[in-house]
Protein backbone atom coordinates (compact mmCIF):
# COMPACT_ATOMS: atom_id res chain seq x y z
CA MET A 1 -16.68 28.61 -8.64
CA ARG A 2 -16.91 29.58 -12.30
CA TRP A 3 -15.18 27.31 -14.79
CA SER A 4 -14.28 30.38 -16.87
CA HIS A 5 -12.19 31.66 -13.93
CA ALA A 6 -10.92 28.31 -12.64
CA PHE A 7 -7.51 26.80 -13.37
CA ILE A 8 -8.48 23.39 -14.77
CA PRO A 9 -5.95 22.59 -17.53
CA THR A 10 -7.52 19.46 -19.03
CA LEU A 11 -5.69 17.45 -21.69
CA ARG A 12 -7.28 15.64 -24.62
CA ASP A 13 -4.73 12.77 -24.80
CA ASP A 14 -2.99 10.50 -22.30
CA PRO A 15 0.54 11.62 -21.36
CA ALA A 16 3.08 9.40 -23.06
CA ASP A 17 4.91 8.32 -19.89
CA ALA A 18 1.79 7.56 -17.79
CA GLU A 19 0.91 3.89 -17.26
CA ALA A 20 -1.48 3.64 -14.32
CA ILE A 21 -5.07 4.70 -14.99
CA SER A 22 -4.99 7.13 -12.07
CA HIS A 23 -1.78 8.71 -13.38
CA LYS A 24 -3.31 9.29 -16.81
CA LEU A 25 -6.63 10.64 -15.58
CA LEU A 26 -5.26 12.89 -12.84
CA LEU A 27 -2.95 14.53 -15.37
CA ARG A 28 -5.57 14.72 -18.10
CA GLY A 29 -8.21 16.08 -15.71
CA GLY A 30 -5.94 18.88 -14.50
CA PHE A 31 -5.63 17.54 -10.94
CA ALA A 32 -1.83 17.22 -10.80
CA ARG A 33 1.40 17.96 -12.64
CA GLN A 34 4.82 16.36 -12.26
CA LEU A 35 7.64 18.59 -11.04
CA MET A 36 10.32 15.89 -11.11
CA ALA A 37 10.48 12.11 -10.70
CA GLY A 38 8.24 11.15 -7.76
CA VAL A 39 7.30 14.75 -6.91
CA TYR A 40 3.94 16.22 -7.93
CA SER A 41 2.14 19.53 -7.66
CA LEU A 42 -1.55 19.29 -6.83
CA LEU A 43 -3.59 21.81 -8.82
CA PRO A 44 -6.85 23.29 -7.47
CA LEU A 45 -9.05 20.29 -8.33
CA GLY A 46 -6.52 17.89 -6.82
CA GLN A 47 -6.22 19.99 -3.69
CA ARG A 48 -10.01 20.07 -3.28
CA VAL A 49 -10.12 16.26 -3.37
CA ARG A 50 -7.13 15.99 -1.02
CA LEU A 51 -8.75 18.29 1.54
CA LYS A 52 -11.99 16.33 1.42
CA ILE A 53 -10.10 13.08 2.09
CA ILE A 54 -8.27 14.77 4.97
CA ASP A 55 -11.58 16.00 6.38
CA ILE A 56 -13.01 12.45 6.35
CA VAL A 57 -9.88 11.03 8.01
CA ARG A 58 -9.82 13.83 10.59
CA ARG A 59 -13.45 13.26 11.57
CA GLU A 60 -12.91 9.54 12.12
CA MET A 61 -9.71 10.13 14.10
CA ASN A 62 -11.45 12.68 16.29
CA GLU A 63 -14.29 10.19 16.76
CA ILE A 64 -11.92 7.76 18.51
CA GLY A 65 -10.58 10.52 20.77
CA ALA A 66 -7.35 11.31 18.91
CA GLN A 67 -5.70 14.72 19.29
CA GLU A 68 -4.18 16.51 16.31
CA PHE A 69 -0.56 17.70 16.31
CA LEU A 70 1.81 19.16 13.74
CA LEU A 71 5.38 18.00 14.27
CA PRO A 72 8.48 18.99 12.29
CA SER A 73 9.56 17.40 9.02
CA MET A 74 13.26 18.03 9.78
CA HIS A 75 14.64 15.65 12.37
CA PRO A 76 18.01 15.75 14.14
CA ARG A 77 20.23 12.69 13.86
CA GLU A 78 20.32 12.24 17.63
CA VAL A 79 16.62 11.37 17.91
CA TRP A 80 16.88 8.66 15.25
CA GLU A 81 20.06 7.35 16.88
CA GLN A 82 18.18 6.96 20.14
CA SER A 83 15.81 4.47 18.49
CA GLY A 84 18.65 2.73 16.67
CA ARG A 85 17.29 3.54 13.21
CA TRP A 86 19.72 6.19 11.95
CA ASN A 87 22.03 3.52 10.55
CA ALA A 88 19.38 0.83 10.11
CA VAL A 89 17.34 2.82 7.58
CA GLY A 90 18.79 2.69 4.09
CA PRO A 91 19.21 5.26 1.31
CA GLU A 92 15.47 5.96 1.13
CA MET A 93 15.95 8.47 3.97
CA PHE A 94 16.88 11.98 2.80
CA ARG A 95 19.84 13.20 4.88
CA PHE A 96 21.85 16.41 4.78
CA GLN A 97 23.94 18.69 6.96
CA ASP A 98 22.90 22.14 8.05
CA ARG A 99 25.29 25.13 7.91
CA ARG A 100 26.72 24.14 11.29
CA GLY A 101 27.56 20.64 10.09
CA ALA A 102 24.83 18.92 12.09
CA ASP A 103 23.24 15.82 10.51
CA VAL A 104 19.56 16.23 9.71
CA ALA A 105 16.97 13.97 8.07
CA LEU A 106 13.69 14.68 6.35
CA GLY A 107 11.06 12.64 8.15
CA MET A 108 9.98 9.48 6.34
CA THR A 109 7.93 8.57 9.41
CA HIS A 110 7.45 10.06 12.89
CA GLU A 111 7.69 7.29 15.50
CA GLU A 112 10.78 8.86 17.04
CA ILE A 113 9.36 12.38 17.13
CA PHE A 114 6.02 11.43 18.68
CA THR A 115 7.82 9.24 21.22
CA HIS A 116 10.00 12.24 22.06
CA VAL A 117 6.81 14.22 22.76
CA ALA A 118 5.45 11.35 24.86
CA THR A 119 8.42 11.52 27.24
CA GLU A 120 6.59 14.41 28.93
CA MET A 121 3.94 12.04 30.26
CA ARG A 122 4.61 10.98 33.84
CA SER A 123 1.72 8.86 35.14
CA TYR A 124 -0.44 5.96 33.99
CA LYS A 125 -3.39 8.26 34.79
CA GLN A 126 -2.52 10.24 31.64
CA LEU A 127 -3.06 7.13 29.51
CA PRO A 128 -4.39 6.09 27.08
CA GLN A 129 -3.49 8.76 24.54
CA VAL A 130 -3.80 8.88 20.75
CA PHE A 131 -1.87 11.58 18.87
CA TYR A 132 -2.08 12.23 15.13
CA GLN A 133 -1.07 14.65 12.41
CA PHE A 134 -1.22 15.33 8.67
CA GLN A 135 2.35 15.96 7.65
CA ALA A 136 4.65 15.69 4.63
CA LYS A 137 6.81 12.58 4.45
CA PHE A 138 9.92 12.18 2.31
CA ARG A 139 11.23 8.90 0.94
CA ASP A 140 13.90 8.66 -1.72
CA GLU A 141 12.21 5.89 -3.69
CA ALA A 142 14.58 4.06 -6.02
CA ARG A 143 11.86 3.74 -8.66
CA PRO A 144 9.03 6.25 -8.22
CA LYS A 145 6.23 5.28 -10.59
CA SER A 146 2.51 5.29 -11.32
CA GLY A 147 1.94 8.95 -10.56
CA LEU A 148 0.77 9.50 -6.99
CA LEU A 149 0.93 5.80 -6.09
CA ARG A 150 4.70 5.73 -5.52
CA VAL A 151 6.28 9.10 -4.86
CA ARG A 152 9.11 10.72 -2.95
CA GLU A 153 7.07 13.39 -1.16
CA PHE A 154 3.55 12.83 0.14
CA THR A 155 1.12 13.66 2.94
CA MET A 156 0.48 11.03 5.58
CA LYS A 157 -1.99 10.85 8.39
CA ASP A 158 0.13 9.15 10.98
CA SER A 159 -1.24 8.45 14.44
CA TYR A 160 0.30 6.89 17.54
CA SER A 161 -1.32 5.29 20.54
CA PHE A 162 0.19 5.19 24.03
CA ASP A 163 -1.08 2.69 26.63
CA ILE A 164 0.07 1.28 29.93
CA ASP A 165 -0.07 -2.37 28.81
CA GLU A 166 -0.68 -4.76 25.93
CA LYS A 167 -4.39 -4.97 26.72
CA GLY A 168 -4.65 -1.23 26.24
CA LEU A 169 -2.72 -1.46 22.97
CA ASP A 170 -5.13 -4.13 21.74
CA ALA A 171 -8.04 -1.78 22.39
CA SER A 172 -6.31 1.15 20.62
CA PHE A 173 -5.42 -1.10 17.70
CA ASP A 174 -9.02 -2.31 17.38
CA ARG A 175 -10.35 1.25 17.47
CA HIS A 176 -8.02 2.24 14.66
CA PHE A 177 -8.97 -0.87 12.71
CA GLU A 178 -12.66 0.07 12.78
CA ALA A 179 -11.91 3.74 12.09
CA TYR A 180 -9.91 2.75 9.01
CA ARG A 181 -12.75 0.59 7.71
CA LYS A 182 -15.10 3.58 8.06
CA ILE A 183 -12.63 5.91 6.35
CA PHE A 184 -12.21 3.70 3.32
CA ARG A 185 -15.94 3.15 2.95
CA ARG A 186 -16.56 6.90 3.15
CA ILE A 187 -13.96 7.72 0.50
CA GLY A 188 -15.39 5.12 -1.83
CA PHE A 189 -14.12 1.55 -1.55
CA GLU A 190 -13.94 -1.56 0.59
CA ALA A 191 -10.37 -2.28 1.64
CA ILE A 192 -9.16 -5.81 2.35
CA ALA A 193 -7.45 -6.18 5.74
CA VAL A 194 -4.47 -8.55 5.54
CA GLU A 195 -1.71 -9.83 7.80
CA ALA A 196 1.55 -8.11 6.92
CA SER A 197 5.20 -7.82 7.81
CA SER A 198 6.13 -5.02 10.19
CA GLY A 199 9.38 -4.41 8.28
CA MET A 200 11.59 -1.60 9.56
CA MET A 201 8.81 -0.36 11.84
CA GLY A 202 9.25 -3.26 14.23
CA GLY A 203 6.64 -4.63 16.60
CA ASN A 204 4.87 -7.97 16.72
CA GLN A 205 1.79 -7.45 14.55
CA SER A 206 0.70 -5.35 11.61
CA ILE A 207 -2.28 -5.22 9.30
CA GLU A 208 -2.35 -3.68 5.85
CA PHE A 209 -5.48 -2.37 4.18
CA MET A 210 -5.39 -3.21 0.49
CA LEU A 211 -7.39 -2.28 -2.60
CA ALA A 212 -7.45 -4.86 -5.39
CA SER A 213 -5.96 -3.19 -8.47
CA ASP A 214 -3.72 -4.07 -11.39
CA ALA A 215 -1.91 -0.78 -10.70
CA GLY A 216 -0.72 -2.09 -7.33
CA GLU A 217 2.69 -3.49 -6.47
CA ASP A 218 1.73 -5.66 -3.50
CA TRP A 219 0.45 -9.21 -3.94
CA ILE A 220 -1.95 -10.68 -1.42
CA ALA A 221 -3.45 -14.10 -0.88
CA SER A 222 -7.13 -14.10 -0.01
CA CYS A 223 -9.72 -16.78 0.73
CA GLU A 224 -13.36 -16.17 -0.20
CA GLY A 225 -14.40 -19.10 1.96
CA CYS A 226 -13.36 -17.92 5.43
CA GLY A 227 -12.01 -14.41 4.84
CA TYR A 228 -8.36 -15.24 5.56
CA ALA A 229 -6.03 -12.76 3.85
CA GLY A 230 -2.35 -11.97 4.00
CA ASN A 231 0.34 -10.15 2.09
CA VAL A 232 2.45 -12.76 0.26
CA GLU A 233 5.31 -11.51 2.46
CA LYS A 234 3.38 -13.01 5.38
CA ALA A 235 0.68 -15.36 4.01
CA THR A 236 0.82 -19.11 4.44
CA SER A 237 -1.03 -22.03 2.88
CA LYS A 238 -1.80 -25.61 3.83
CA LEU A 239 0.28 -27.83 1.61
CA PRO A 240 -0.88 -31.34 0.78
CA THR A 241 1.20 -34.23 2.10
CA VAL A 242 3.59 -35.55 -0.55
CA GLU A 243 4.31 -39.29 -0.61
CA ASP A 244 7.79 -39.65 -2.11
CA GLU A 245 9.24 -42.87 -3.49
CA PRO A 246 11.73 -44.52 -1.09
CA GLY A 247 14.62 -43.41 -3.29
CA LEU A 248 18.25 -44.48 -3.20
CA ALA A 249 20.42 -45.67 -0.34
CA ALA A 250 22.67 -42.65 -0.94
CA PRO A 251 22.63 -39.62 -3.27
CA GLU A 252 23.78 -40.37 -6.81
CA LYS A 253 25.66 -37.84 -8.92
CA PHE A 254 24.80 -37.56 -12.61
CA PRO A 255 25.89 -35.19 -15.40
CA THR A 256 23.54 -32.36 -16.43
CA PRO A 257 25.38 -30.41 -19.14
CA GLY A 258 23.89 -27.01 -19.86
CA VAL A 259 21.33 -27.24 -17.03
CA ARG A 260 21.14 -23.87 -15.28
CA THR A 261 17.56 -23.48 -14.11
CA ILE A 262 14.75 -25.42 -12.46
CA GLU A 263 12.95 -25.51 -15.80
CA ASP A 264 16.07 -26.83 -17.55
CA LEU A 265 16.22 -29.74 -15.11
CA GLU A 266 12.50 -30.41 -15.52
CA ASN A 267 13.03 -30.82 -19.27
CA PHE A 268 16.32 -32.73 -18.98
CA GLU A 269 16.19 -36.48 -19.58
CA GLY A 270 16.50 -38.11 -16.17
CA GLY A 271 15.69 -34.81 -14.43
CA ALA A 272 12.82 -34.10 -12.04
CA PRO A 273 9.72 -31.90 -11.78
CA GLY A 274 10.12 -28.69 -9.79
CA ILE A 275 8.22 -30.06 -6.78
CA ASN A 276 10.90 -32.81 -6.49
CA GLN A 277 13.87 -30.46 -6.81
CA ILE A 278 15.69 -28.59 -4.04
CA LYS A 279 16.48 -25.01 -4.98
CA THR A 280 19.64 -23.73 -3.26
CA LEU A 281 20.22 -20.01 -2.74
CA VAL A 282 23.29 -18.45 -1.13
CA TYR A 283 22.76 -15.37 1.04
CA ARG A 284 25.15 -13.26 3.05
CA VAL A 285 23.77 -12.76 6.54
CA ASP A 286 26.00 -10.34 8.49
CA ASP A 287 29.03 -11.44 6.42
CA LYS A 288 28.25 -15.14 6.93
CA ASP A 289 27.35 -17.50 4.08
CA VAL A 290 23.94 -19.10 4.61
CA LEU A 291 22.22 -21.58 2.33
CA LEU A 292 18.47 -21.26 1.81
CA LEU A 293 16.61 -24.30 0.51
CA LEU A 294 13.19 -24.36 -1.12
CA ARG A 295 11.31 -26.65 -3.43
CA GLY A 296 12.13 -25.97 -7.05
CA CYS A 297 8.57 -24.81 -7.71
CA ASP A 298 8.66 -22.20 -4.94
CA THR A 299 9.83 -18.58 -4.72
CA LEU A 300 11.72 -17.13 -1.76
CA SER A 301 10.00 -14.36 0.20
CA GLU A 302 12.91 -12.19 1.30
CA GLN A 303 10.65 -10.41 3.77
CA LYS A 304 9.86 -13.70 5.53
CA LEU A 305 13.60 -14.30 5.79
CA LEU A 306 14.17 -10.79 7.16
CA ASP A 307 11.38 -11.24 9.70
CA SER A 308 12.76 -14.60 10.86
CA VAL A 309 16.50 -13.90 11.05
CA GLU A 310 17.98 -11.32 13.38
CA ALA A 311 20.66 -9.58 11.33
CA GLU A 312 21.82 -6.10 10.43
CA GLU A 313 22.39 -6.95 6.75
CA ILE A 314 20.95 -9.65 4.52
CA ARG A 315 21.67 -9.83 0.79
CA PRO A 316 22.09 -12.37 -2.01
CA ALA A 317 25.69 -13.51 -2.44
CA THR A 318 27.59 -12.43 -5.55
CA ALA A 319 28.72 -14.92 -8.19
CA ASP A 320 32.29 -14.78 -6.86
CA GLU A 321 31.11 -15.30 -3.26
CA ILE A 322 28.98 -18.27 -4.33
CA ARG A 323 31.87 -19.97 -6.12
CA ALA A 324 34.19 -19.34 -3.17
CA ALA A 325 31.67 -20.90 -0.78
CA LEU A 326 30.54 -23.93 -2.82
CA GLY A 327 32.96 -24.31 -5.73
CA ALA A 328 30.28 -24.08 -8.39
CA SER A 329 28.04 -21.59 -10.17
CA PRO A 330 24.30 -21.04 -9.69
CA GLY A 331 22.36 -23.85 -11.34
CA SER A 332 24.59 -26.56 -9.87
CA LEU A 333 24.36 -25.74 -6.16
CA GLY A 334 23.28 -27.99 -3.31
CA ALA A 335 23.49 -28.47 0.46
CA VAL A 336 24.51 -32.12 0.67
CA GLY A 337 27.72 -32.51 2.67
CA VAL A 338 28.43 -28.80 3.03
CA ASP A 339 29.80 -27.17 6.15
CA LEU A 340 27.60 -24.08 6.05
CA PHE A 341 24.57 -22.87 7.99
CA VAL A 342 21.51 -24.26 6.21
CA ILE A 343 17.95 -22.90 6.52
CA ALA A 344 15.24 -24.91 4.77
CA ASP A 345 11.64 -24.11 3.96
CA GLU A 346 9.11 -26.16 5.92
CA ALA A 347 7.70 -27.64 2.69
CA LEU A 348 10.92 -29.68 2.39
CA GLN A 349 10.55 -31.39 5.77
CA GLY A 350 10.42 -35.17 5.38
CA ARG A 351 11.01 -35.06 1.63
CA ARG A 352 13.12 -37.78 0.01
CA ASN A 353 14.17 -38.93 -3.44
CA MET A 354 14.83 -35.26 -4.29
CA THR A 355 17.18 -33.80 -6.89
CA THR A 356 19.61 -30.96 -6.19
CA GLY A 357 22.90 -29.49 -7.40
CA ALA A 358 26.12 -31.40 -6.73
CA ASN A 359 28.29 -28.29 -6.17
CA GLU A 360 30.08 -29.21 -9.37
CA ASP A 361 29.24 -27.36 -12.57
CA ASP A 362 26.95 -29.35 -14.90
CA HIS A 363 26.26 -32.05 -12.29
CA HIS A 364 23.35 -32.83 -9.97
CA LEU A 365 22.47 -35.34 -7.27
CA ARG A 366 19.37 -37.55 -7.30
CA GLY A 367 17.92 -39.62 -4.47
CA VAL A 368 18.48 -36.93 -1.82
CA ASP A 369 16.73 -37.40 1.54
CA THR A 370 16.50 -34.06 3.38
CA ALA A 371 16.62 -35.63 6.83
CA ARG A 372 19.43 -38.04 6.02
CA ASP A 373 21.64 -36.06 3.67
CA ILE A 374 21.33 -32.39 4.66
CA ASP A 375 22.24 -30.86 8.00
CA VAL A 376 19.40 -28.35 8.31
CA LYS A 377 19.96 -25.92 11.18
CA ALA A 378 16.55 -24.21 11.00
CA TRP A 379 13.18 -24.97 9.40
CA LEU A 380 11.31 -21.78 8.52
CA ASP A 381 8.42 -20.62 6.37
CA LEU A 382 10.35 -19.02 3.50
CA ARG A 383 8.15 -19.48 0.45
CA GLU A 384 5.65 -17.20 -1.23
CA VAL A 385 2.11 -18.54 -1.36
CA GLN A 386 0.86 -19.35 -4.86
CA ASP A 387 -2.54 -18.92 -6.46
CA GLY A 388 -4.85 -21.91 -5.94
CA GLU A 389 -3.06 -23.37 -2.91
CA PRO A 390 -5.27 -24.43 0.02
CA CYS A 391 -6.19 -21.83 2.62
CA PRO A 392 -4.45 -22.52 5.97
CA MET A 393 -7.76 -22.02 7.79
CA CYS A 394 -10.45 -23.72 5.69
CA GLU A 395 -8.44 -25.35 2.86
CA LYS A 396 -10.42 -23.68 0.07
CA ALA A 397 -8.35 -22.33 -2.82
CA LEU A 398 -6.50 -19.07 -2.19
CA ALA A 399 -6.60 -16.31 -4.79
CA VAL A 400 -3.39 -14.31 -5.25
CA PHE A 401 -3.76 -10.87 -6.84
CA LYS A 402 -2.23 -7.40 -7.05
CA THR A 403 -3.27 -4.65 -4.67
CA ILE A 404 -2.55 -1.07 -3.63
CA GLU A 405 -1.68 -0.56 0.03
CA VAL A 406 -3.99 2.22 1.27
CA GLY A 407 -3.31 1.97 5.01
CA HIS A 408 -1.11 0.14 7.52
CA ILE A 409 -1.43 -0.27 11.28
CA PHE A 410 1.26 -1.61 13.62
CA LYS A 411 1.57 -2.86 17.16
CA LEU A 412 4.95 -1.41 18.11
CA GLY A 413 5.00 -2.53 21.72
CA THR A 414 7.84 -0.90 23.68
CA LYS A 415 10.46 -0.81 20.89
CA TYR A 416 10.62 3.00 20.82
CA SER A 417 9.54 3.85 24.35
CA GLU A 418 12.29 1.73 25.88
CA ALA A 419 14.94 3.12 23.55
CA MET A 420 13.85 6.72 24.12
CA ASP A 421 12.91 6.47 27.81
CA ALA A 422 9.21 7.22 27.37
CA LYS A 423 8.08 5.84 30.73
CA VAL A 424 5.29 6.51 33.19
CA LEU A 425 4.73 5.49 36.78
CA ASP A 426 2.14 2.71 37.14
CA GLU A 427 -0.36 2.36 40.00
CA ASN A 428 2.42 0.90 42.18
CA GLY A 429 4.82 3.75 41.51
CA LYS A 430 7.03 1.67 39.21
CA ALA A 431 8.40 3.19 35.99
CA ARG A 432 7.12 1.34 32.93
CA PRO A 433 7.70 2.03 29.22
CA VAL A 434 4.49 3.01 27.45
CA VAL A 435 3.12 0.48 24.96
CA MET A 436 2.78 2.00 21.51
CA GLY A 437 0.94 1.55 18.23
CA SER A 438 1.50 3.31 14.89
CA TYR A 439 -1.13 3.87 12.21
CA GLY A 440 -0.67 5.38 8.74
CA ILE A 441 -2.74 6.46 5.74
CA GLY A 442 -1.13 8.07 2.69
CA ILE A 443 -3.48 10.85 1.53
CA GLU A 444 -2.36 11.30 -2.08
CA ARG A 445 -2.01 7.54 -2.58
CA ASN A 446 -5.61 7.15 -1.48
CA LEU A 447 -6.61 9.93 -3.86
CA ALA A 448 -5.06 7.93 -6.71
CA ALA A 449 -6.52 4.67 -5.39
CA ILE A 450 -10.02 6.16 -5.54
CA VAL A 451 -9.46 6.91 -9.23
CA GLU A 452 -8.21 3.35 -9.82
CA ALA A 453 -11.43 2.06 -8.26
CA HIS A 454 -13.79 4.62 -9.87
CA HIS A 455 -13.30 5.41 -13.55
CA ASP A 456 -14.65 4.54 -16.98
CA ASP A 457 -13.68 5.18 -20.60
CA SER A 458 -14.73 8.84 -20.29
CA GLY A 459 -12.73 9.71 -17.19
CA ILE A 460 -12.93 9.75 -13.40
CA VAL A 461 -16.14 8.87 -11.54
CA TRP A 462 -15.61 10.47 -8.13
CA PRO A 463 -17.69 9.26 -5.18
CA LEU A 464 -19.69 12.24 -3.93
CA ASN A 465 -17.84 12.52 -0.59
CA VAL A 466 -14.51 13.28 -2.23
CA ALA A 467 -15.50 14.86 -5.55
CA PRO A 468 -13.89 18.26 -6.24
CA PHE A 469 -17.41 19.57 -6.87
CA GLU A 470 -20.69 17.77 -6.27
CA VAL A 471 -22.61 19.40 -9.12
CA VAL A 472 -21.69 21.18 -12.34
CA VAL A 473 -24.22 23.50 -13.95
CA THR A 474 -23.43 23.37 -17.66
CA VAL A 475 -24.75 26.38 -19.54
CA VAL A 476 -24.95 25.26 -23.17
CA LYS A 477 -25.10 28.77 -24.64
CA PRO A 478 -23.77 31.33 -22.15
CA LYS A 479 -24.34 34.16 -24.68
CA ASP A 480 -28.05 33.34 -24.74
CA VAL A 481 -29.55 35.62 -22.07
CA ALA A 482 -32.26 33.17 -21.00
CA CYS A 483 -29.73 30.30 -20.70
CA ALA A 484 -27.24 32.42 -18.79
CA GLU A 485 -29.84 33.73 -16.35
CA ALA A 486 -31.36 30.28 -15.75
CA GLY A 487 -27.89 28.84 -15.12
CA GLU A 488 -27.06 31.63 -12.67
CA ARG A 489 -30.33 31.10 -10.76
CA LEU A 490 -29.61 27.37 -10.42
CA TYR A 491 -26.01 28.08 -9.41
CA ASP A 492 -27.07 30.54 -6.70
CA ALA A 493 -29.82 28.24 -5.38
CA LEU A 494 -27.44 25.27 -5.13
CA GLN A 495 -24.84 27.36 -3.33
CA GLN A 496 -27.44 28.60 -0.85
CA GLY A 497 -28.47 24.97 -0.31
CA GLY A 498 -24.94 24.09 0.79
CA ILE A 499 -23.97 22.27 -2.39
CA ASP A 500 -20.38 22.33 -3.67
CA VAL A 501 -21.17 23.57 -7.18
CA LEU A 502 -19.25 24.65 -10.28
CA ILE A 503 -20.89 26.57 -13.12
CA ASP A 504 -19.50 25.96 -16.60
CA ASP A 505 -20.00 29.38 -18.14
CA ARG A 506 -17.23 29.01 -20.73
CA ASP A 507 -17.81 30.02 -24.32
CA GLU A 508 -17.10 26.51 -25.60
CA ARG A 509 -18.93 23.97 -27.71
CA PRO A 510 -21.38 21.81 -25.68
CA GLY A 511 -19.44 18.65 -26.57
CA VAL A 512 -16.25 20.07 -25.06
CA LYS A 513 -18.08 20.97 -21.85
CA PHE A 514 -19.72 17.54 -21.56
CA LYS A 515 -16.41 15.74 -22.13
CA ASP A 516 -14.61 17.89 -19.58
CA ALA A 517 -17.34 17.31 -16.97
CA ASP A 518 -17.07 13.54 -17.52
CA LEU A 519 -13.26 13.64 -17.48
CA VAL A 520 -13.00 15.44 -14.14
CA GLY A 521 -15.74 13.21 -12.75
CA ILE A 522 -18.28 15.56 -11.15
CA PRO A 523 -21.12 13.35 -9.80
CA TYR A 524 -24.09 15.40 -11.07
CA ARG A 525 -24.46 17.57 -14.17
CA LEU A 526 -27.34 20.00 -14.68
CA THR A 527 -27.53 21.02 -18.33
CA VAL A 528 -29.24 24.30 -19.16
CA GLY A 529 -30.03 24.73 -22.88
CA PRO A 530 -32.43 26.72 -25.05
CA LYS A 531 -34.40 23.68 -26.16
CA GLY A 532 -35.04 22.46 -22.61
CA LEU A 533 -35.87 25.94 -21.34
CA ALA A 534 -38.49 26.26 -24.05
CA ASP A 535 -40.20 23.27 -22.42
CA GLY A 536 -39.51 24.52 -18.89
CA VAL A 537 -36.97 21.79 -18.05
CA VAL A 538 -33.26 21.22 -17.47
CA GLU A 539 -31.45 17.89 -17.77
CA LEU A 540 -29.95 16.12 -14.74
CA ARG A 541 -27.31 13.52 -15.54
CA THR A 542 -25.75 11.20 -12.96
CA ARG A 543 -22.08 10.57 -13.76
CA ARG A 544 -21.92 7.19 -12.06
CA THR A 545 -24.82 5.56 -13.93
CA GLY A 546 -24.96 7.72 -17.04
CA GLU A 547 -28.72 8.10 -16.53
CA SER A 548 -30.41 11.36 -17.50
CA ARG A 549 -33.81 12.82 -16.70
CA ASP A 550 -35.58 16.12 -17.16
CA LEU A 551 -36.42 18.29 -14.17
CA ALA A 552 -38.87 21.14 -14.06
CA ILE A 553 -36.80 24.30 -13.95
CA ASP A 554 -38.60 25.64 -10.87
CA ARG A 555 -37.96 22.40 -8.92
CA ALA A 556 -34.53 21.50 -10.27
CA ALA A 557 -32.39 23.04 -7.54
CA GLU A 558 -34.54 21.57 -4.76
CA THR A 559 -34.45 18.10 -6.38
CA VAL A 560 -30.66 18.16 -6.77
CA ILE A 561 -30.12 19.42 -3.22
CA GLU A 562 -32.24 16.56 -1.86
CA ALA A 563 -30.34 14.01 -3.97
CA VAL A 564 -26.93 15.29 -2.85
CA LEU A 565 -27.84 15.54 0.83
CA ASP A 566 -29.32 12.05 0.74
CA GLU A 567 -26.15 10.64 -0.83
CA ARG A 568 -23.94 12.43 1.69
CA ARG A 569 -25.62 10.46 4.45
């Protein structure tokens, strides 16, 4: 490819509305352009990277015996109703009616459609099976942001395993786990595998693959000591035993004018530190008022609540609903003496001499004993883990940090096969629902994640395996006959050697060419200039290290080919 003929619209400055590093550099480098909020066009350089990522993923999926499909993006309502998710999935699903008035959705995931295909299997002898595809997914994100990291249309590699039993599912899950590790290493980073919530997907186990990055939106807790890791929606910690003072014989009400928050009560004379306060939240669970109790220093994980409580709808109560239920406003709420369903976080078990709201504005209760004074119906893990808390496995300090989710694998069990009648006859002739797994990798998100992991002040630093081109031959003076001919000879030799090469034959200043090559992140740059040619050499610069060295012109192509082929391995 010749740069003079290529469509690579680089920009000198960062776009004003871009925040994430990958967003800025992919726009500046001419890899992508925004069409509307959360929808991006990939330009030729971006498409080249995307296809290389797909090729890596495809090879690893084929290596574990998966078979590639291409299933529709438009799904009829009836298939999603079979699984029970047509009404369960919220406004993030794009829905419309065709000209005949039939309800249709744009696929945000393909569990239902692959299960529909699997209904054609009849015998356990046809199992195990692994099906996969690369297909567009559509999700009406409320707040698309950060360029390709959170979008409304994207390509996903989604695969699905079908086994006769849980043991088979375990084996399929493990094969995908190892394949994902290989994929992420080959595209340029080590992903952290963490326990995660299965969310709307269902099933009894899921693992997310995460890349540590300030551009991410997911927080994980990780232990360097033993390797334990979990999304904060799932992670736990080992809390130290708290020895409370005996406290009072009964709760004592006291005035707290103007106190509205945990911090207010900490600073109030006669108040209490957050660890000795009971935070009371009111939630509506299927139109029923439920009180959630946590220590004042803790934060509720709504996902933990969703995973623990079987309900069709869970939401925080409104101010009017709270006052109707407890007779007070937030900041003065408590669970002592109330006739409501109470769920308490496990960290409150056995606590006494605590302070909580009195269900009377500007008043609190001190001396509260959770066992004596509060009728707790269920003790659950509701709190988000905090940085520095002890690991639940080895008790070393956990680190909590932001990450990008780059892959997610689920054990679905028989959730979809039972609902959609995907059954096979076992060795005894009995019909059994197939046991399923689901495994996803967002292609464009991984493209952006690579940039987040590999960049510097000059631009992108692509790993060789996914770079749009492996080598750029930069001809300093294309109007100089000797320079132009030497550049062409190198370009031809590299092409014949199987190298993905771009020749920069533009009539531009050398500084512009060097900056563009660094911005778009091509791993190797061969510079052909009059001064070097006079000495019989060209310059080889490695983008990753910034190191340069001279190569004899007659050995340059061979040397670069050897370097690239060695790095590919």
